Amino acid sequence: MAKAKSILFQLECSECKERNYTTSKNPQENKEKLQLQKFCKKCRKHTAHKEVKISKAKK
């Protein structure tokens, strides 16, 4: 039995564009992008957070 493939992604605040949360999902089950109401640490209030790709760290 094969393992289900899951991808990692970040949640970005829709107001200040700060990336606050990292989570995973199975793209074969959930095709659409995830959007959740989460607490933004920079704005200090609950805002909509949208799914974005994880960016590579600059050296």
PDB file of N, CA and C in Angstrom:
ATOM      1  N   MET A   1       0.835  -1.174   0.000  1.00  0.00           N
ATOM      2  CA  MET A   1       0.000   0.000   0.000  1.00  0.00           C
ATOM      3  C   MET A   1       0.885   1.244   0.000  1.00  0.00           C
ATOM      4  N   ALA A   2       0.659   2.148  -0.925  1.00  0.00           N
ATOM      5  CA  ALA A   2       1.486   3.344  -1.065  1.00  0.00           C
ATOM      6  C   ALA A   2       1.013   4.437  -0.114  1.00  0.00           C
ATOM      7  N   LYS A   3       1.969   5.278   0.271  1.00  0.00           N
ATOM      8  CA  LYS A   3       1.643   6.414   1.134  1.00  0.00           C
ATOM      9  C   LYS A   3       0.963   7.512   0.319  1.00  0.00           C
ATOM     10  N   ALA A   4       0.080   8.248   0.949  1.00  0.00           N
ATOM     11  CA  ALA A   4      -0.548   9.398   0.305  1.00  0.00           C
ATOM     12  C   ALA A   4       0.462  10.540   0.246  1.00  0.00           C
ATOM     13  N   LYS A   5       0.584  11.150  -0.913  1.00  0.00           N
ATOM     14  CA  LYS A   5       1.533  12.252  -1.067  1.00  0.00           C
ATOM     15  C   LYS A   5       0.889  13.543  -0.599  1.00  0.00           C
ATOM     16  N   SER A   6       1.579  14.234   0.288  1.00  0.00           N
ATOM     17  CA  SER A   6       1.084  15.524   0.747  1.00  0.00           C
ATOM     18  C   SER A   6       2.137  16.577   0.451  1.00  0.00           C
ATOM     19  N   ILE A   7       1.682  17.804   0.226  1.00  0.00           N
ATOM     20  CA  ILE A   7       2.592  18.907  -0.070  1.00  0.00           C
ATOM     21  C   ILE A   7       2.546  19.909   1.080  1.00  0.00           C
ATOM     22  N   LEU A   8       3.662  20.573   1.297  1.00  0.00           N
ATOM     23  CA  LEU A   8       3.745  21.637   2.295  1.00  0.00           C
ATOM     24  C   LEU A   8       3.486  22.974   1.609  1.00  0.00           C
ATOM     25  N   PHE A   9       2.828  23.866   2.321  1.00  0.00           N
ATOM     26  CA  PHE A   9       2.595  25.215   1.814  1.00  0.00           C
ATOM     27  C   PHE A   9       2.449  26.158   2.994  1.00  0.00           C
ATOM     28  N   GLN A  10       2.485  27.449   2.715  1.00  0.00           N
ATOM     29  CA  GLN A  10       2.357  28.466   3.751  1.00  0.00           C
ATOM     30  C   GLN A  10       1.036  29.196   3.589  1.00  0.00           C
ATOM     31  N   LEU A  11       0.574  29.801   4.691  1.00  0.00           N
ATOM     32  CA  LEU A  11      -0.611  30.646   4.669  1.00  0.00           C
ATOM     33  C   LEU A  11      -0.156  32.095   4.804  1.00  0.00           C
ATOM     34  N   GLU A  12      -0.601  32.942   3.871  1.00  0.00           N
ATOM     35  CA  GLU A  12      -0.189  34.342   3.813  1.00  0.00           C
ATOM     36  C   GLU A  12      -1.372  35.238   4.153  1.00  0.00           C
ATOM     37  N   CYS A  13      -1.134  36.242   4.997  1.00  0.00           N
ATOM     38  CA  CYS A  13      -2.166  37.198   5.377  1.00  0.00           C
ATOM     39  C   CYS A  13      -2.579  38.016   4.149  1.00  0.00           C
ATOM     40  N   SER A  14      -3.873  38.201   3.957  1.00  0.00           N
ATOM     41  CA  SER A  14      -4.354  38.938   2.787  1.00  0.00           C
ATOM     42  C   SER A  14      -4.171  40.447   2.941  1.00  0.00           C
ATOM     43  N   GLU A  15      -3.970  40.939   4.159  1.00  0.00           N
ATOM     44  CA  GLU A  15      -3.803  42.380   4.368  1.00  0.00           C
ATOM     45  C   GLU A  15      -2.341  42.820   4.348  1.00  0.00           C
ATOM     46  N   CYS A  16      -1.494  42.192   5.159  1.00  0.00           N
ATOM     47  CA  CYS A  16      -0.097  42.647   5.268  1.00  0.00           C
ATOM     48  C   CYS A  16       0.891  41.771   4.505  1.00  0.00           C
ATOM     49  N   LYS A  17       0.439  40.656   3.924  1.00  0.00           N
ATOM     50  CA  LYS A  17       1.246  39.729   3.125  1.00  0.00           C
ATOM     51  C   LYS A  17       2.337  39.023   3.949  1.00  0.00           C
ATOM     52  N   GLU A  18       2.167  38.958   5.249  1.00  0.00           N
ATOM     53  CA  GLU A  18       3.089  38.234   6.127  1.00  0.00           C
ATOM     54  C   GLU A  18       2.738  36.748   6.075  1.00  0.00           C
ATOM     55  N   ARG A  19       3.752  35.887   5.971  1.00  0.00           N
ATOM     56  CA  ARG A  19       3.529  34.440   5.948  1.00  0.00           C
ATOM     57  C   ARG A  19       3.700  33.910   7.366  1.00  0.00           C
ATOM     58  N   ASN A  20       2.586  33.511   7.985  1.00  0.00           N
ATOM     59  CA  ASN A  20       2.572  33.175   9.398  1.00  0.00           C
ATOM     60  C   ASN A  20       2.524  31.690   9.708  1.00  0.00           C
ATOM     61  N   TYR A  21       1.892  30.902   8.859  1.00  0.00           N
ATOM     62  CA  TYR A  21       1.627  29.501   9.173  1.00  0.00           C
ATOM     63  C   TYR A  21       2.122  28.584   8.063  1.00  0.00           C
ATOM     64  N   THR A  22       2.538  27.370   8.432  1.00  0.00           N
ATOM     65  CA  THR A  22       2.919  26.336   7.489  1.00  0.00           C
ATOM     66  C   THR A  22       2.072  25.105   7.774  1.00  0.00           C
ATOM     67  N   THR A  23       1.553  24.490   6.721  1.00  0.00           N
ATOM     68  CA  THR A  23       0.711  23.308   6.882  1.00  0.00           C
ATOM     69  C   THR A  23       0.846  22.425   5.642  1.00  0.00           C
ATOM     70  N   SER A  24       0.117  21.318   5.609  1.00  0.00           N
ATOM     71  CA  SER A  24       0.190  20.401   4.480  1.00  0.00           C
ATOM     72  C   SER A  24      -1.202  19.945   4.084  1.00  0.00           C
ATOM     73  N   LYS A  25      -1.294  19.411   2.851  1.00  0.00           N
ATOM     74  CA  LYS A  25      -2.552  18.855   2.370  1.00  0.00           C
ATOM     75  C   LYS A  25      -2.253  17.842   1.278  1.00  0.00           C
ATOM     76  N   ASN A  26      -3.235  17.000   0.988  1.00  0.00           N
ATOM     77  CA  ASN A  26      -3.142  16.039  -0.094  1.00  0.00           C
ATOM     78  C   ASN A  26      -3.772  16.683  -1.333  1.00  0.00           C
ATOM     79  N   PRO A  27      -2.981  17.005  -2.367  1.00  0.00           N
ATOM     80  CA  PRO A  27      -3.529  17.705  -3.532  1.00  0.00           C
ATOM     81  C   PRO A  27      -4.462  16.844  -4.377  1.00  0.00           C
ATOM     82  N   GLN A  28      -4.408  15.523  -4.223  1.00  0.00           N
ATOM     83  CA  GLN A  28      -5.304  14.658  -4.987  1.00  0.00           C
ATOM     84  C   GLN A  28      -6.729  14.717  -4.439  1.00  0.00           C
ATOM     85  N   GLU A  29      -6.866  15.011  -3.150  1.00  0.00           N
ATOM     86  CA  GLU A  29      -8.186  15.117  -2.535  1.00  0.00           C
ATOM     87  C   GLU A  29      -8.730  16.544  -2.573  1.00  0.00           C
ATOM     88  N   ASN A  30      -7.863  17.540  -2.402  1.00  0.00           N
ATOM     89  CA  ASN A  30      -8.260  18.952  -2.348  1.00  0.00           C
ATOM     90  C   ASN A  30      -7.587  19.694  -3.497  1.00  0.00           C
ATOM     91  N   LYS A  31      -8.320  19.953  -4.549  1.00  0.00           N
ATOM     92  CA  LYS A  31      -7.765  20.624  -5.738  1.00  0.00           C
ATOM     93  C   LYS A  31      -7.693  22.142  -5.561  1.00  0.00           C
ATOM     94  N   GLU A  32      -8.683  22.738  -4.885  1.00  0.00           N
ATOM     95  CA  GLU A  32      -8.736  24.196  -4.771  1.00  0.00           C
ATOM     96  C   GLU A  32      -7.776  24.698  -3.686  1.00  0.00           C
ATOM     97  N   LYS A  33      -7.431  25.991  -3.784  1.00  0.00           N
ATOM     98  CA  LYS A  33      -6.543  26.597  -2.796  1.00  0.00           C
ATOM     99  C   LYS A  33      -7.284  26.828  -1.489  1.00  0.00           C
ATOM    100  N   LEU A  34      -6.568  26.653  -0.405  1.00  0.00           N
ATOM    101  CA  LEU A  34      -7.142  26.781   0.921  1.00  0.00           C
ATOM    102  C   LEU A  34      -7.155  28.241   1.362  1.00  0.00           C
ATOM    103  N   GLN A  35      -8.222  28.662   2.029  1.00  0.00           N
ATOM    104  CA  GLN A  35      -8.310  29.999   2.604  1.00  0.00           C
ATOM    105  C   GLN A  35      -8.985  29.875   3.960  1.00  0.00           C
ATOM    106  N   LEU A  36      -8.301  30.355   5.011  1.00  0.00           N
ATOM    107  CA  LEU A  36      -8.790  30.231   6.379  1.00  0.00           C
ATOM    108  C   LEU A  36      -8.737  31.573   7.102  1.00  0.00           C
ATOM    109  N   GLN A  37      -9.581  31.731   8.105  1.00  0.00           N
ATOM    110  CA  GLN A  37      -9.503  32.883   8.996  1.00  0.00           C
ATOM    111  C   GLN A  37      -8.519  32.523  10.114  1.00  0.00           C
ATOM    112  N   LYS A  38      -7.385  33.205  10.162  1.00  0.00           N
ATOM    113  CA  LYS A  38      -6.361  32.939  11.166  1.00  0.00           C
ATOM    114  C   LYS A  38      -5.941  34.259  11.815  1.00  0.00           C
ATOM    115  N   PHE A  39      -5.257  34.150  12.960  1.00  0.00           N
ATOM    116  CA  PHE A  39      -4.757  35.329  13.650  1.00  0.00           C
ATOM    117  C   PHE A  39      -3.415  35.726  13.048  1.00  0.00           C
ATOM    118  N   CYS A  40      -3.305  36.961  12.588  1.00  0.00           N
ATOM    119  CA  CYS A  40      -2.054  37.475  12.025  1.00  0.00           C
ATOM    120  C   CYS A  40      -1.234  38.102  13.154  1.00  0.00           C
ATOM    121  N   LYS A  41       0.003  37.673  13.285  1.00  0.00           N
ATOM    122  CA  LYS A  41       0.863  38.167  14.355  1.00  0.00           C
ATOM    123  C   LYS A  41       1.327  39.597  14.102  1.00  0.00           C
ATOM    124  N   LYS A  42       1.393  40.003  12.835  1.00  0.00           N
ATOM    125  CA  LYS A  42       1.832  41.362  12.504  1.00  0.00           C
ATOM    126  C   LYS A  42       0.680  42.364  12.602  1.00  0.00           C
ATOM    127  N   CYS A  43      -0.498  42.013  12.048  1.00  0.00           N
ATOM    128  CA  CYS A  43      -1.677  42.888  12.100  1.00  0.00           C
ATOM    129  C   CYS A  43      -2.325  42.882  13.481  1.00  0.00           C
ATOM    130  N   ARG A  44      -2.128  41.805  14.234  1.00  0.00           N
ATOM    131  CA  ARG A  44      -2.707  41.594  15.555  1.00  0.00           C
ATOM    132  C   ARG A  44      -4.224  41.529  15.509  1.00  0.00           C
ATOM    133  N   LYS A  45      -4.776  40.860  14.458  1.00  0.00           N
ATOM    134  CA  LYS A  45      -6.214  40.630  14.357  1.00  0.00           C
ATOM    135  C   LYS A  45      -6.463  39.426  13.454  1.00  0.00           C
ATOM    136  N   HIS A  46      -7.687  38.921  13.460  1.00  0.00           N
ATOM    137  CA  HIS A  46      -8.059  37.796  12.612  1.00  0.00           C
ATOM    138  C   HIS A  46      -8.312  38.285  11.192  1.00  0.00           C
ATOM    139  N   THR A  47      -7.616  37.676  10.222  1.00  0.00           N
ATOM    140  CA  THR A  47      -7.766  38.041   8.821  1.00  0.00           C
ATOM    141  C   THR A  47      -7.809  36.770   7.978  1.00  0.00           C
ATOM    142  N   ALA A  48      -8.165  36.914   6.710  1.00  0.00           N
ATOM    143  CA  ALA A  48      -8.154  35.783   5.787  1.00  0.00           C
ATOM    144  C   ALA A  48      -6.709  35.470   5.406  1.00  0.00           C
ATOM    145  N   HIS A  49      -6.347  34.206   5.473  1.00  0.00           N
ATOM    146  CA  HIS A  49      -5.026  33.743   5.078  1.00  0.00           C
ATOM    147  C   HIS A  49      -5.192  32.801   3.892  1.00  0.00           C
ATOM    148  N   LYS A  50      -4.417  33.032   2.816  1.00  0.00           N
ATOM    149  CA  LYS A  50      -4.523  32.246   1.600  1.00  0.00           C
ATOM    150  C   LYS A  50      -3.299  31.363   1.427  1.00  0.00           C
ATOM    151  N   GLU A  51      -3.489  30.267   0.725  1.00  0.00           N
ATOM    152  CA  GLU A  51      -2.419  29.302   0.462  1.00  0.00           C
ATOM    153  C   GLU A  51      -1.437  29.864  -0.572  1.00  0.00           C
ATOM    154  N   VAL A  52      -0.129  29.772  -0.273  1.00  0.00           N
ATOM    155  CA  VAL A  52       0.932  30.167  -1.202  1.00  0.00           C
ATOM    156  C   VAL A  52       2.053  29.135  -1.122  1.00  0.00           C
ATOM    157  N   LYS A  53       2.894  29.093  -2.159  1.00  0.00           N
ATOM    158  CA  LYS A  53       4.016  28.179  -2.158  1.00  0.00           C
ATOM    159  C   LYS A  53       5.066  28.627  -1.151  1.00  0.00           C
ATOM    160  N   ILE A  54       5.842  27.680  -0.673  1.00  0.00           N
ATOM    161  CA  ILE A  54       6.937  27.984   0.245  1.00  0.00           C
ATOM    162  C   ILE A  54       8.084  28.563  -0.561  1.00  0.00           C
ATOM    163  N   SER A  55       8.544  29.744  -0.183  1.00  0.00           N
ATOM    164  CA  SER A  55       9.649  30.384  -0.889  1.00  0.00           C
ATOM    165  C   SER A  55      10.973  29.895  -0.302  1.00  0.00           C
ATOM    166  N   LYS A  56      11.981  29.831  -1.152  1.00  0.00           N
ATOM    167  CA  LYS A  56      13.295  29.387  -0.702  1.00  0.00           C
ATOM    168  C   LYS A  56      13.974  30.520   0.041  1.00  0.00           C
ATOM    169  N   ALA A  57      14.714  30.162   1.090  1.00  0.00           N
ATOM    170  CA  ALA A  57      15.401  31.169   1.895  1.00  0.00           C
ATOM    171  C   ALA A  57      16.576  31.751   1.133  1.00  0.00           C
ATOM    172  N   LYS A  58      16.778  33.055   1.281  1.00  0.00           N
ATOM    173  CA  LYS A  58      17.909  33.717   0.624  1.00  0.00           C
ATOM    174  C   LYS A  58      19.149  33.529   1.480  1.00  0.00           C
ATOM    175  N   LYS A  59      20.275  33.309   0.823  1.00  0.00           N
ATOM    176  CA  LYS A  59      21.530  33.098   1.571  1.00  0.00           C
ATOM    177  C   LYS A  59      22.343  34.354   1.644  1.00  0.00           C
TER     178      LYS A  59
END
